[in-house]
Amino acid sequence: MLMRPQGSRQPRLISWDEVDQLIDSLVPRIQQLGPIGAMVMITRGGVIPGGLLAEILSIRHLLTASVDFVATERSNMMAWPSFLQFPDPDLLRGRRALVVDDVWGSGRTSIAVRERVNAAGGIPINCVLHFDPYRTMFSTIKPELYGDVTDAYVVYPWEIDRGFHGQGFSASQPNI
C-alpha cells in the first residue's frame, strides 16, 4: 500500500461538469476494449455513472450487484461479503461485463463483484470514476479503467443533499 500524502481525506465536491469530463475520458478507453456484452452496476454508487456510460455506449444489458460487508470488530476489513443482489449467472456467462462503481477505495466491493462475475463465467472489467491508491487493500490489483486518482473523500453531485453526516467533516457545505 502506498503512503498517504499529508493532509489527505479532505472532502472533494465533484460538479456535474467534472462528472461529464470523467465519463468523457472513460468512453474512448472502454470503446478500445471492444464490444461490452453487459454492465454490472454496483449499488448504490455505480448506478448513476453506469447509467451515463450505458447511454453513451449503447449498452442495453444492464445488471446490478449489491454487496454488504458485515462489520465486526474481529473481522474489520477482512469481512466476507454478503451479496444482497446479484445477477443470475446465465446473464453473465460468456459476456464481457463492465463492472461500474463510483470510487475504488479499499477495493473490497469491486473485487468481490469482479470475482463473482468471473465465477459466473463472465469476463469482468472494473471501471470507476475515482481510484484511491492509498486506501486500496490490494497492492497488485487496481481497476482496469478509472477516470481520476484521488485520496480525497469524494462527494458527487447526486450525494450533496446527504451532506457529510457521519464522515467527521464540517456540516457546512459549499454551493456547487
N, C-alpha and C. Protein backbone atom coordinates (compact mmCIF):
# COMPACT_ATOMS: atom_id res chain seq x y z
N MET A 1 0.85 -1.18 0.00
CA MET A 1 0.00 0.00 0.00
C MET A 1 0.89 1.24 0.00
N LEU A 2 0.52 2.24 -0.78
CA LEU A 2 1.27 3.50 -0.84
C LEU A 2 1.04 4.30 0.42
N MET A 3 2.01 5.13 0.76
CA MET A 3 1.86 6.03 1.90
C MET A 3 0.99 7.21 1.48
N ARG A 4 0.00 7.52 2.33
CA ARG A 4 -0.92 8.61 2.04
C ARG A 4 -0.21 9.94 2.23
N PRO A 5 -0.42 10.87 1.29
CA PRO A 5 0.16 12.21 1.44
C PRO A 5 -0.40 12.91 2.67
N GLN A 6 0.36 13.86 3.18
CA GLN A 6 -0.09 14.66 4.32
C GLN A 6 -1.37 15.42 3.97
N GLY A 7 -2.25 15.59 4.96
CA GLY A 7 -3.46 16.38 4.78
C GLY A 7 -4.51 15.71 3.91
N SER A 8 -4.50 14.41 3.86
CA SER A 8 -5.42 13.69 2.98
C SER A 8 -6.79 13.50 3.61
N ARG A 9 -7.68 12.92 2.83
CA ARG A 9 -9.06 12.60 3.19
C ARG A 9 -9.90 13.85 3.42
N GLN A 10 -9.55 14.90 2.76
CA GLN A 10 -10.37 16.10 2.77
C GLN A 10 -11.54 15.86 1.82
N PRO A 11 -12.70 16.43 2.13
CA PRO A 11 -13.81 16.25 1.20
C PRO A 11 -13.55 16.99 -0.11
N ARG A 12 -13.95 16.35 -1.20
CA ARG A 12 -13.81 16.97 -2.52
C ARG A 12 -15.16 16.89 -3.19
N LEU A 13 -15.78 18.05 -3.38
CA LEU A 13 -17.08 18.10 -4.03
C LEU A 13 -16.88 18.08 -5.53
N ILE A 14 -17.53 17.16 -6.19
CA ILE A 14 -17.41 17.00 -7.64
C ILE A 14 -18.66 17.60 -8.29
N SER A 15 -18.46 18.42 -9.29
CA SER A 15 -19.59 19.03 -10.00
C SER A 15 -20.05 18.10 -11.13
N TRP A 16 -21.23 18.40 -11.68
CA TRP A 16 -21.73 17.64 -12.82
C TRP A 16 -20.80 17.79 -14.02
N ASP A 17 -20.19 18.97 -14.18
CA ASP A 17 -19.23 19.16 -15.27
C ASP A 17 -18.03 18.23 -15.12
N GLU A 18 -17.56 18.07 -13.88
CA GLU A 18 -16.43 17.16 -13.64
C GLU A 18 -16.84 15.71 -13.90
N VAL A 19 -18.06 15.35 -13.53
CA VAL A 19 -18.55 14.00 -13.82
C VAL A 19 -18.56 13.78 -15.32
N ASP A 20 -19.07 14.76 -16.07
CA ASP A 20 -19.09 14.67 -17.54
C ASP A 20 -17.67 14.47 -18.09
N GLN A 21 -16.70 15.19 -17.55
CA GLN A 21 -15.32 15.07 -18.01
C GLN A 21 -14.76 13.67 -17.71
N LEU A 22 -15.08 13.15 -16.53
CA LEU A 22 -14.61 11.80 -16.17
C LEU A 22 -15.23 10.76 -17.11
N ILE A 23 -16.53 10.88 -17.34
CA ILE A 23 -17.22 9.95 -18.24
C ILE A 23 -16.63 10.06 -19.64
N ASP A 24 -16.43 11.30 -20.12
CA ASP A 24 -15.86 11.51 -21.45
C ASP A 24 -14.46 10.93 -21.57
N SER A 25 -13.69 10.93 -20.49
CA SER A 25 -12.34 10.36 -20.54
C SER A 25 -12.38 8.83 -20.55
N LEU A 26 -13.42 8.25 -19.96
CA LEU A 26 -13.52 6.78 -19.90
C LEU A 26 -14.05 6.17 -21.19
N VAL A 27 -14.95 6.87 -21.87
CA VAL A 27 -15.64 6.30 -23.04
C VAL A 27 -14.68 5.78 -24.11
N PRO A 28 -13.71 6.56 -24.57
CA PRO A 28 -12.83 6.02 -25.62
C PRO A 28 -12.00 4.83 -25.16
N ARG A 29 -11.63 4.82 -23.90
CA ARG A 29 -10.84 3.69 -23.38
C ARG A 29 -11.70 2.43 -23.30
N ILE A 30 -12.97 2.59 -22.96
CA ILE A 30 -13.88 1.44 -22.95
C ILE A 30 -14.10 0.96 -24.38
N GLN A 31 -14.31 1.88 -25.30
CA GLN A 31 -14.53 1.51 -26.69
C GLN A 31 -13.33 0.77 -27.29
N GLN A 32 -12.12 1.13 -26.86
CA GLN A 32 -10.91 0.46 -27.34
C GLN A 32 -10.88 -1.01 -26.97
N LEU A 33 -11.58 -1.36 -25.90
CA LEU A 33 -11.59 -2.75 -25.44
C LEU A 33 -12.43 -3.66 -26.32
N GLY A 34 -13.25 -3.07 -27.15
CA GLY A 34 -14.14 -3.87 -28.00
C GLY A 34 -15.52 -3.98 -27.38
N PRO A 35 -16.37 -4.83 -27.95
CA PRO A 35 -17.76 -4.93 -27.50
C PRO A 35 -17.89 -5.34 -26.03
N ILE A 36 -18.81 -4.67 -25.35
CA ILE A 36 -19.14 -4.99 -23.97
C ILE A 36 -20.51 -5.68 -24.00
N GLY A 37 -20.60 -6.86 -23.45
CA GLY A 37 -21.84 -7.63 -23.51
C GLY A 37 -22.81 -7.34 -22.39
N ALA A 38 -22.31 -6.78 -21.28
CA ALA A 38 -23.17 -6.48 -20.14
C ALA A 38 -22.49 -5.44 -19.27
N MET A 39 -23.31 -4.79 -18.46
CA MET A 39 -22.78 -3.88 -17.45
C MET A 39 -23.37 -4.30 -16.10
N VAL A 40 -22.50 -4.41 -15.10
CA VAL A 40 -22.93 -4.68 -13.74
C VAL A 40 -22.64 -3.43 -12.93
N MET A 41 -23.71 -2.75 -12.52
CA MET A 41 -23.57 -1.52 -11.74
C MET A 41 -23.63 -1.90 -10.26
N ILE A 42 -22.63 -1.49 -9.51
CA ILE A 42 -22.60 -1.77 -8.08
C ILE A 42 -23.44 -0.71 -7.39
N THR A 43 -24.45 -1.18 -6.64
CA THR A 43 -25.32 -0.23 -5.95
C THR A 43 -24.62 0.25 -4.69
N ARG A 44 -24.86 1.42 -4.35
CA ARG A 44 -25.59 2.49 -4.97
C ARG A 44 -24.70 3.35 -5.82
N GLY A 45 -23.42 3.41 -5.50
CA GLY A 45 -22.51 4.35 -6.15
C GLY A 45 -22.35 4.20 -7.64
N GLY A 46 -22.48 2.99 -8.16
CA GLY A 46 -22.25 2.77 -9.58
C GLY A 46 -23.45 2.98 -10.47
N VAL A 47 -24.62 3.24 -9.88
CA VAL A 47 -25.84 3.33 -10.68
C VAL A 47 -25.83 4.55 -11.61
N ILE A 48 -25.50 5.71 -11.11
CA ILE A 48 -25.52 6.91 -11.95
C ILE A 48 -24.38 6.90 -12.97
N PRO A 49 -23.12 6.64 -12.57
CA PRO A 49 -22.09 6.56 -13.61
C PRO A 49 -22.37 5.44 -14.61
N GLY A 50 -22.88 4.32 -14.13
CA GLY A 50 -23.22 3.22 -15.03
C GLY A 50 -24.30 3.60 -16.02
N GLY A 51 -25.31 4.31 -15.55
CA GLY A 51 -26.37 4.76 -16.45
C GLY A 51 -25.86 5.71 -17.51
N LEU A 52 -24.98 6.62 -17.11
CA LEU A 52 -24.41 7.56 -18.08
C LEU A 52 -23.57 6.82 -19.12
N LEU A 53 -22.73 5.90 -18.66
CA LEU A 53 -21.90 5.13 -19.58
C LEU A 53 -22.74 4.24 -20.49
N ALA A 54 -23.77 3.62 -19.94
CA ALA A 54 -24.64 2.74 -20.73
C ALA A 54 -25.32 3.51 -21.85
N GLU A 55 -25.75 4.72 -21.56
CA GLU A 55 -26.42 5.55 -22.57
C GLU A 55 -25.45 5.91 -23.70
N ILE A 56 -24.26 6.38 -23.33
CA ILE A 56 -23.28 6.80 -24.33
C ILE A 56 -22.79 5.62 -25.16
N LEU A 57 -22.57 4.47 -24.50
CA LEU A 57 -22.01 3.30 -25.17
C LEU A 57 -23.07 2.36 -25.77
N SER A 58 -24.33 2.72 -25.59
CA SER A 58 -25.45 1.90 -26.07
C SER A 58 -25.42 0.47 -25.50
N ILE A 59 -25.07 0.36 -24.23
CA ILE A 59 -25.11 -0.94 -23.56
C ILE A 59 -26.53 -1.13 -23.03
N ARG A 60 -27.16 -2.19 -23.45
CA ARG A 60 -28.56 -2.42 -23.07
C ARG A 60 -28.73 -3.53 -22.04
N HIS A 61 -27.71 -4.34 -21.86
CA HIS A 61 -27.78 -5.45 -20.92
C HIS A 61 -27.26 -4.96 -19.56
N LEU A 62 -28.15 -4.29 -18.80
CA LEU A 62 -27.77 -3.64 -17.55
C LEU A 62 -28.21 -4.49 -16.36
N LEU A 63 -27.26 -4.71 -15.45
CA LEU A 63 -27.50 -5.54 -14.28
C LEU A 63 -26.99 -4.80 -13.05
N THR A 64 -27.44 -5.23 -11.87
CA THR A 64 -26.95 -4.61 -10.64
C THR A 64 -26.45 -5.66 -9.66
N ALA A 65 -25.51 -5.24 -8.84
CA ALA A 65 -24.99 -6.06 -7.75
C ALA A 65 -24.99 -5.20 -6.49
N SER A 66 -25.46 -5.77 -5.42
CA SER A 66 -25.46 -5.07 -4.14
C SER A 66 -24.69 -5.92 -3.14
N VAL A 67 -23.66 -5.32 -2.54
CA VAL A 67 -22.76 -6.05 -1.66
C VAL A 67 -22.76 -5.40 -0.28
N ASP A 68 -22.73 -6.25 0.74
CA ASP A 68 -22.65 -5.76 2.11
C ASP A 68 -21.51 -6.48 2.81
N PHE A 69 -20.70 -5.74 3.53
CA PHE A 69 -19.66 -6.34 4.34
C PHE A 69 -20.07 -6.18 5.80
N VAL A 70 -20.36 -7.28 6.44
CA VAL A 70 -20.78 -7.24 7.83
C VAL A 70 -19.61 -6.75 8.66
N ALA A 71 -19.82 -5.66 9.36
CA ALA A 71 -18.75 -5.06 10.16
C ALA A 71 -18.76 -5.65 11.55
N THR A 72 -17.69 -6.32 11.87
CA THR A 72 -17.50 -6.78 13.24
C THR A 72 -16.11 -6.34 13.67
N GLU A 73 -15.95 -6.14 14.95
CA GLU A 73 -14.66 -5.68 15.43
C GLU A 73 -13.57 -6.71 15.12
N ARG A 74 -13.94 -7.98 15.18
CA ARG A 74 -12.96 -9.05 14.95
C ARG A 74 -12.55 -9.14 13.48
N SER A 75 -13.52 -9.01 12.57
CA SER A 75 -13.22 -9.19 11.15
C SER A 75 -12.65 -7.93 10.51
N ASN A 76 -13.05 -6.77 11.02
CA ASN A 76 -12.60 -5.49 10.49
C ASN A 76 -12.69 -5.47 8.97
N MET A 77 -11.61 -5.21 8.26
CA MET A 77 -11.64 -5.10 6.81
C MET A 77 -11.62 -6.46 6.11
N MET A 78 -11.45 -7.54 6.84
CA MET A 78 -11.35 -8.85 6.22
C MET A 78 -12.69 -9.59 6.20
N ALA A 79 -13.78 -8.88 6.42
CA ALA A 79 -15.10 -9.49 6.44
C ALA A 79 -15.43 -10.12 5.09
N TRP A 80 -16.17 -11.22 5.12
CA TRP A 80 -16.62 -11.91 3.92
C TRP A 80 -17.83 -11.16 3.38
N PRO A 81 -17.91 -10.91 2.08
CA PRO A 81 -19.04 -10.14 1.55
C PRO A 81 -20.33 -10.95 1.53
N SER A 82 -21.41 -10.24 1.71
CA SER A 82 -22.74 -10.80 1.56
C SER A 82 -23.36 -10.09 0.36
N PHE A 83 -23.81 -10.87 -0.63
CA PHE A 83 -24.44 -10.28 -1.80
C PHE A 83 -25.94 -10.19 -1.56
N LEU A 84 -26.44 -8.97 -1.46
CA LEU A 84 -27.86 -8.73 -1.26
C LEU A 84 -28.60 -8.91 -2.58
N GLN A 85 -27.88 -8.66 -3.67
CA GLN A 85 -28.45 -8.80 -5.01
C GLN A 85 -27.30 -9.08 -5.97
N PHE A 86 -27.52 -10.04 -6.87
CA PHE A 86 -26.54 -10.35 -7.90
C PHE A 86 -27.25 -11.02 -9.06
N PRO A 87 -26.83 -10.70 -10.30
CA PRO A 87 -27.50 -11.27 -11.47
C PRO A 87 -27.35 -12.79 -11.56
N ASP A 88 -28.32 -13.42 -12.17
CA ASP A 88 -28.25 -14.85 -12.45
C ASP A 88 -27.02 -15.11 -13.32
N PRO A 89 -26.24 -16.15 -13.01
CA PRO A 89 -25.04 -16.45 -13.80
C PRO A 89 -25.30 -16.58 -15.30
N ASP A 90 -26.48 -17.04 -15.69
CA ASP A 90 -26.81 -17.17 -17.11
C ASP A 90 -26.78 -15.82 -17.84
N LEU A 91 -26.98 -14.74 -17.10
CA LEU A 91 -26.97 -13.41 -17.70
C LEU A 91 -25.54 -12.89 -17.93
N LEU A 92 -24.56 -13.57 -17.34
CA LEU A 92 -23.17 -13.12 -17.44
C LEU A 92 -22.27 -14.09 -18.22
N ARG A 93 -22.66 -15.33 -18.26
CA ARG A 93 -21.82 -16.37 -18.86
C ARG A 93 -21.42 -16.00 -20.28
N GLY A 94 -20.09 -15.96 -20.51
CA GLY A 94 -19.56 -15.69 -21.84
C GLY A 94 -19.57 -14.23 -22.25
N ARG A 95 -20.04 -13.34 -21.39
CA ARG A 95 -20.12 -11.92 -21.74
C ARG A 95 -18.98 -11.14 -21.09
N ARG A 96 -18.46 -10.17 -21.86
CA ARG A 96 -17.55 -9.19 -21.27
C ARG A 96 -18.42 -8.22 -20.49
N ALA A 97 -18.16 -8.11 -19.19
CA ALA A 97 -19.02 -7.31 -18.31
C ALA A 97 -18.24 -6.14 -17.71
N LEU A 98 -18.70 -4.94 -17.98
CA LEU A 98 -18.13 -3.74 -17.38
C LEU A 98 -18.72 -3.62 -15.98
N VAL A 99 -17.88 -3.71 -14.96
CA VAL A 99 -18.30 -3.62 -13.56
C VAL A 99 -18.05 -2.18 -13.12
N VAL A 100 -19.14 -1.42 -12.87
CA VAL A 100 -19.03 0.02 -12.65
C VAL A 100 -19.36 0.40 -11.20
N ASP A 101 -18.50 1.24 -10.64
CA ASP A 101 -18.75 1.84 -9.33
C ASP A 101 -18.25 3.27 -9.37
N ASP A 102 -18.56 4.04 -8.34
CA ASP A 102 -18.10 5.43 -8.32
C ASP A 102 -16.64 5.52 -7.88
N VAL A 103 -16.30 4.88 -6.75
CA VAL A 103 -14.96 5.00 -6.18
C VAL A 103 -14.40 3.62 -5.86
N TRP A 104 -13.13 3.45 -6.14
CA TRP A 104 -12.38 2.28 -5.65
C TRP A 104 -11.58 2.80 -4.47
N GLY A 105 -12.08 2.56 -3.26
CA GLY A 105 -11.38 2.95 -2.04
C GLY A 105 -10.53 1.78 -1.58
N SER A 106 -11.09 0.96 -0.70
CA SER A 106 -10.37 -0.23 -0.26
C SER A 106 -10.29 -1.25 -1.39
N GLY A 107 -11.24 -1.19 -2.31
CA GLY A 107 -11.29 -2.14 -3.42
C GLY A 107 -12.08 -3.40 -3.13
N ARG A 108 -12.50 -3.57 -1.87
CA ARG A 108 -13.19 -4.82 -1.48
C ARG A 108 -14.45 -5.07 -2.29
N THR A 109 -15.28 -4.06 -2.45
CA THR A 109 -16.55 -4.25 -3.15
C THR A 109 -16.32 -4.57 -4.62
N SER A 110 -15.48 -3.79 -5.27
CA SER A 110 -15.21 -4.02 -6.69
C SER A 110 -14.59 -5.39 -6.94
N ILE A 111 -13.67 -5.80 -6.08
CA ILE A 111 -13.04 -7.11 -6.23
C ILE A 111 -14.06 -8.22 -5.98
N ALA A 112 -14.91 -8.05 -4.97
CA ALA A 112 -15.93 -9.08 -4.68
C ALA A 112 -16.85 -9.27 -5.88
N VAL A 113 -17.29 -8.17 -6.48
CA VAL A 113 -18.18 -8.27 -7.65
C VAL A 113 -17.42 -8.84 -8.83
N ARG A 114 -16.21 -8.38 -9.04
CA ARG A 114 -15.40 -8.90 -10.15
C ARG A 114 -15.23 -10.41 -10.05
N GLU A 115 -14.91 -10.90 -8.87
CA GLU A 115 -14.70 -12.34 -8.68
C GLU A 115 -16.00 -13.12 -8.86
N ARG A 116 -17.11 -12.53 -8.45
CA ARG A 116 -18.40 -13.21 -8.64
C ARG A 116 -18.79 -13.25 -10.11
N VAL A 117 -18.51 -12.18 -10.87
CA VAL A 117 -18.77 -12.17 -12.31
C VAL A 117 -17.89 -13.24 -12.98
N ASN A 118 -16.64 -13.30 -12.58
CA ASN A 118 -15.72 -14.30 -13.11
C ASN A 118 -16.22 -15.72 -12.81
N ALA A 119 -16.67 -15.96 -11.58
CA ALA A 119 -17.18 -17.28 -11.19
C ALA A 119 -18.42 -17.65 -11.99
N ALA A 120 -19.19 -16.65 -12.42
CA ALA A 120 -20.40 -16.89 -13.21
C ALA A 120 -20.07 -17.15 -14.68
N GLY A 121 -18.81 -17.07 -15.04
CA GLY A 121 -18.42 -17.30 -16.42
C GLY A 121 -18.33 -16.05 -17.26
N GLY A 122 -18.46 -14.89 -16.61
CA GLY A 122 -18.32 -13.62 -17.32
C GLY A 122 -16.86 -13.18 -17.35
N ILE A 123 -16.60 -12.15 -18.11
CA ILE A 123 -15.25 -11.58 -18.21
C ILE A 123 -15.33 -10.17 -17.66
N PRO A 124 -14.99 -9.98 -16.37
CA PRO A 124 -15.17 -8.67 -15.74
C PRO A 124 -14.09 -7.66 -16.10
N ILE A 125 -14.53 -6.39 -16.21
CA ILE A 125 -13.63 -5.26 -16.43
C ILE A 125 -14.07 -4.18 -15.44
N ASN A 126 -13.24 -3.92 -14.42
CA ASN A 126 -13.60 -2.92 -13.42
C ASN A 126 -13.41 -1.51 -13.94
N CYS A 127 -14.40 -0.64 -13.69
CA CYS A 127 -14.39 0.74 -14.14
C CYS A 127 -14.96 1.62 -13.03
N VAL A 128 -14.19 2.62 -12.61
CA VAL A 128 -14.64 3.54 -11.56
C VAL A 128 -14.34 4.98 -11.98
N LEU A 129 -15.05 5.91 -11.39
CA LEU A 129 -14.75 7.32 -11.64
C LEU A 129 -13.46 7.72 -10.94
N HIS A 130 -13.28 7.28 -9.69
CA HIS A 130 -12.11 7.66 -8.90
C HIS A 130 -11.44 6.43 -8.29
N PHE A 131 -10.13 6.43 -8.34
CA PHE A 131 -9.30 5.37 -7.75
C PHE A 131 -8.43 5.99 -6.68
N ASP A 132 -8.46 5.41 -5.47
CA ASP A 132 -7.64 5.88 -4.36
C ASP A 132 -6.54 4.84 -4.10
N PRO A 133 -5.34 5.05 -4.66
CA PRO A 133 -4.27 4.06 -4.50
C PRO A 133 -3.74 3.99 -3.07
N TYR A 134 -4.09 4.96 -2.23
CA TYR A 134 -3.60 5.00 -0.86
C TYR A 134 -4.48 4.18 0.08
N ARG A 135 -5.74 3.94 -0.29
CA ARG A 135 -6.66 3.18 0.56
C ARG A 135 -6.82 1.74 0.11
N THR A 136 -6.46 1.42 -1.13
CA THR A 136 -6.72 0.08 -1.63
C THR A 136 -6.03 -0.98 -0.77
N MET A 137 -6.70 -2.09 -0.60
CA MET A 137 -6.15 -3.20 0.17
C MET A 137 -5.34 -4.14 -0.71
N PHE A 138 -5.29 -3.87 -2.01
CA PHE A 138 -4.67 -4.78 -2.96
C PHE A 138 -3.47 -4.11 -3.62
N SER A 139 -2.28 -4.53 -3.26
CA SER A 139 -1.09 -3.86 -3.76
C SER A 139 -0.83 -4.11 -5.24
N THR A 140 -1.31 -5.22 -5.77
CA THR A 140 -1.04 -5.53 -7.18
C THR A 140 -2.28 -5.48 -8.05
N ILE A 141 -3.43 -5.11 -7.48
CA ILE A 141 -4.67 -5.06 -8.24
C ILE A 141 -5.25 -3.66 -8.17
N LYS A 142 -5.66 -3.16 -9.32
CA LYS A 142 -6.34 -1.88 -9.38
C LYS A 142 -7.40 -1.98 -10.48
N PRO A 143 -8.32 -1.02 -10.54
CA PRO A 143 -9.32 -1.09 -11.61
C PRO A 143 -8.66 -0.98 -12.98
N GLU A 144 -9.21 -1.71 -13.95
CA GLU A 144 -8.68 -1.63 -15.30
C GLU A 144 -8.89 -0.23 -15.89
N LEU A 145 -9.99 0.40 -15.50
CA LEU A 145 -10.33 1.73 -16.01
C LEU A 145 -10.74 2.64 -14.85
N TYR A 146 -10.17 3.84 -14.82
CA TYR A 146 -10.58 4.84 -13.83
C TYR A 146 -10.39 6.22 -14.43
N GLY A 147 -11.27 7.13 -14.00
CA GLY A 147 -11.25 8.47 -14.54
C GLY A 147 -10.20 9.36 -13.92
N ASP A 148 -9.95 9.19 -12.62
CA ASP A 148 -9.02 10.07 -11.92
C ASP A 148 -8.50 9.34 -10.69
N VAL A 149 -7.36 9.82 -10.18
CA VAL A 149 -6.76 9.30 -8.95
C VAL A 149 -6.93 10.38 -7.89
N THR A 150 -7.34 9.97 -6.69
CA THR A 150 -7.50 10.93 -5.59
C THR A 150 -7.38 10.22 -4.26
N ASP A 151 -7.00 10.96 -3.24
CA ASP A 151 -7.03 10.43 -1.88
C ASP A 151 -8.07 11.18 -1.05
N ALA A 152 -8.85 12.01 -1.71
CA ALA A 152 -9.89 12.80 -1.03
C ALA A 152 -11.15 11.96 -0.80
N TYR A 153 -11.97 12.42 0.12
CA TYR A 153 -13.30 11.85 0.32
C TYR A 153 -14.19 12.53 -0.73
N VAL A 154 -14.54 11.79 -1.78
CA VAL A 154 -15.26 12.35 -2.91
C VAL A 154 -16.76 12.41 -2.61
N VAL A 155 -17.35 13.58 -2.88
CA VAL A 155 -18.79 13.76 -2.76
C VAL A 155 -19.30 14.16 -4.14
N TYR A 156 -20.14 13.30 -4.72
CA TYR A 156 -20.67 13.53 -6.06
C TYR A 156 -21.90 14.41 -6.01
N PRO A 157 -22.26 15.04 -7.13
CA PRO A 157 -23.40 15.97 -7.12
C PRO A 157 -24.71 15.29 -6.72
N TRP A 158 -24.87 14.02 -6.97
CA TRP A 158 -26.10 13.32 -6.58
C TRP A 158 -26.11 12.96 -5.10
N GLU A 159 -24.99 13.19 -4.39
CA GLU A 159 -24.90 12.89 -2.96
C GLU A 159 -24.97 14.13 -2.09
N ILE A 160 -24.88 15.31 -2.67
CA ILE A 160 -24.70 16.53 -1.90
C ILE A 160 -25.79 16.77 -0.87
N ASP A 161 -27.02 16.38 -1.15
CA ASP A 161 -28.10 16.58 -0.18
C ASP A 161 -27.94 15.72 1.06
N ARG A 162 -27.16 14.64 0.95
CA ARG A 162 -26.92 13.79 2.10
C ARG A 162 -25.88 14.41 3.03
N GLY A 163 -25.11 15.33 2.50
CA GLY A 163 -24.11 16.05 3.30
C GLY A 163 -22.98 15.16 3.77
N PHE A 164 -22.31 15.62 4.81
CA PHE A 164 -21.14 14.93 5.34
C PHE A 164 -21.44 14.22 6.66
N HIS A 165 -22.72 14.03 6.95
CA HIS A 165 -23.11 13.41 8.21
C HIS A 165 -22.37 12.08 8.42
N GLY A 166 -21.75 11.95 9.57
CA GLY A 166 -21.07 10.71 9.91
C GLY A 166 -19.69 10.56 9.29
N GLN A 167 -19.22 11.54 8.57
CA GLN A 167 -17.91 11.44 7.93
C GLN A 167 -16.84 12.24 8.66
N GLY A 168 -17.20 12.92 9.74
CA GLY A 168 -16.22 13.67 10.51
C GLY A 168 -15.84 15.00 9.88
N PHE A 169 -16.67 15.49 8.95
CA PHE A 169 -16.40 16.76 8.30
C PHE A 169 -17.37 17.81 8.79
N SER A 170 -17.05 19.05 8.53
CA SER A 170 -17.88 20.17 8.91
C SER A 170 -19.27 20.03 8.29
N ALA A 171 -20.27 20.50 9.00
CA ALA A 171 -21.66 20.42 8.50
C ALA A 171 -21.91 21.42 7.38
N SER A 172 -21.10 22.47 7.29
CA SER A 172 -21.33 23.45 6.23
C SER A 172 -20.90 22.88 4.89
N GLN A 173 -21.67 23.18 3.86
CA GLN A 173 -21.40 22.66 2.53
C GLN A 173 -21.34 23.80 1.53
N PRO A 174 -20.28 23.84 0.75
CA PRO A 174 -20.23 24.88 -0.29
C PRO A 174 -21.25 24.63 -1.38
N ASN A 175 -21.64 25.69 -2.06
CA ASN A 175 -22.55 25.53 -3.19
C ASN A 175 -21.78 24.99 -4.39
N ILE A 176 -22.47 24.15 -5.15
CA ILE A 176 -21.84 23.63 -6.38
C ILE A 176 -22.58 24.22 -7.54
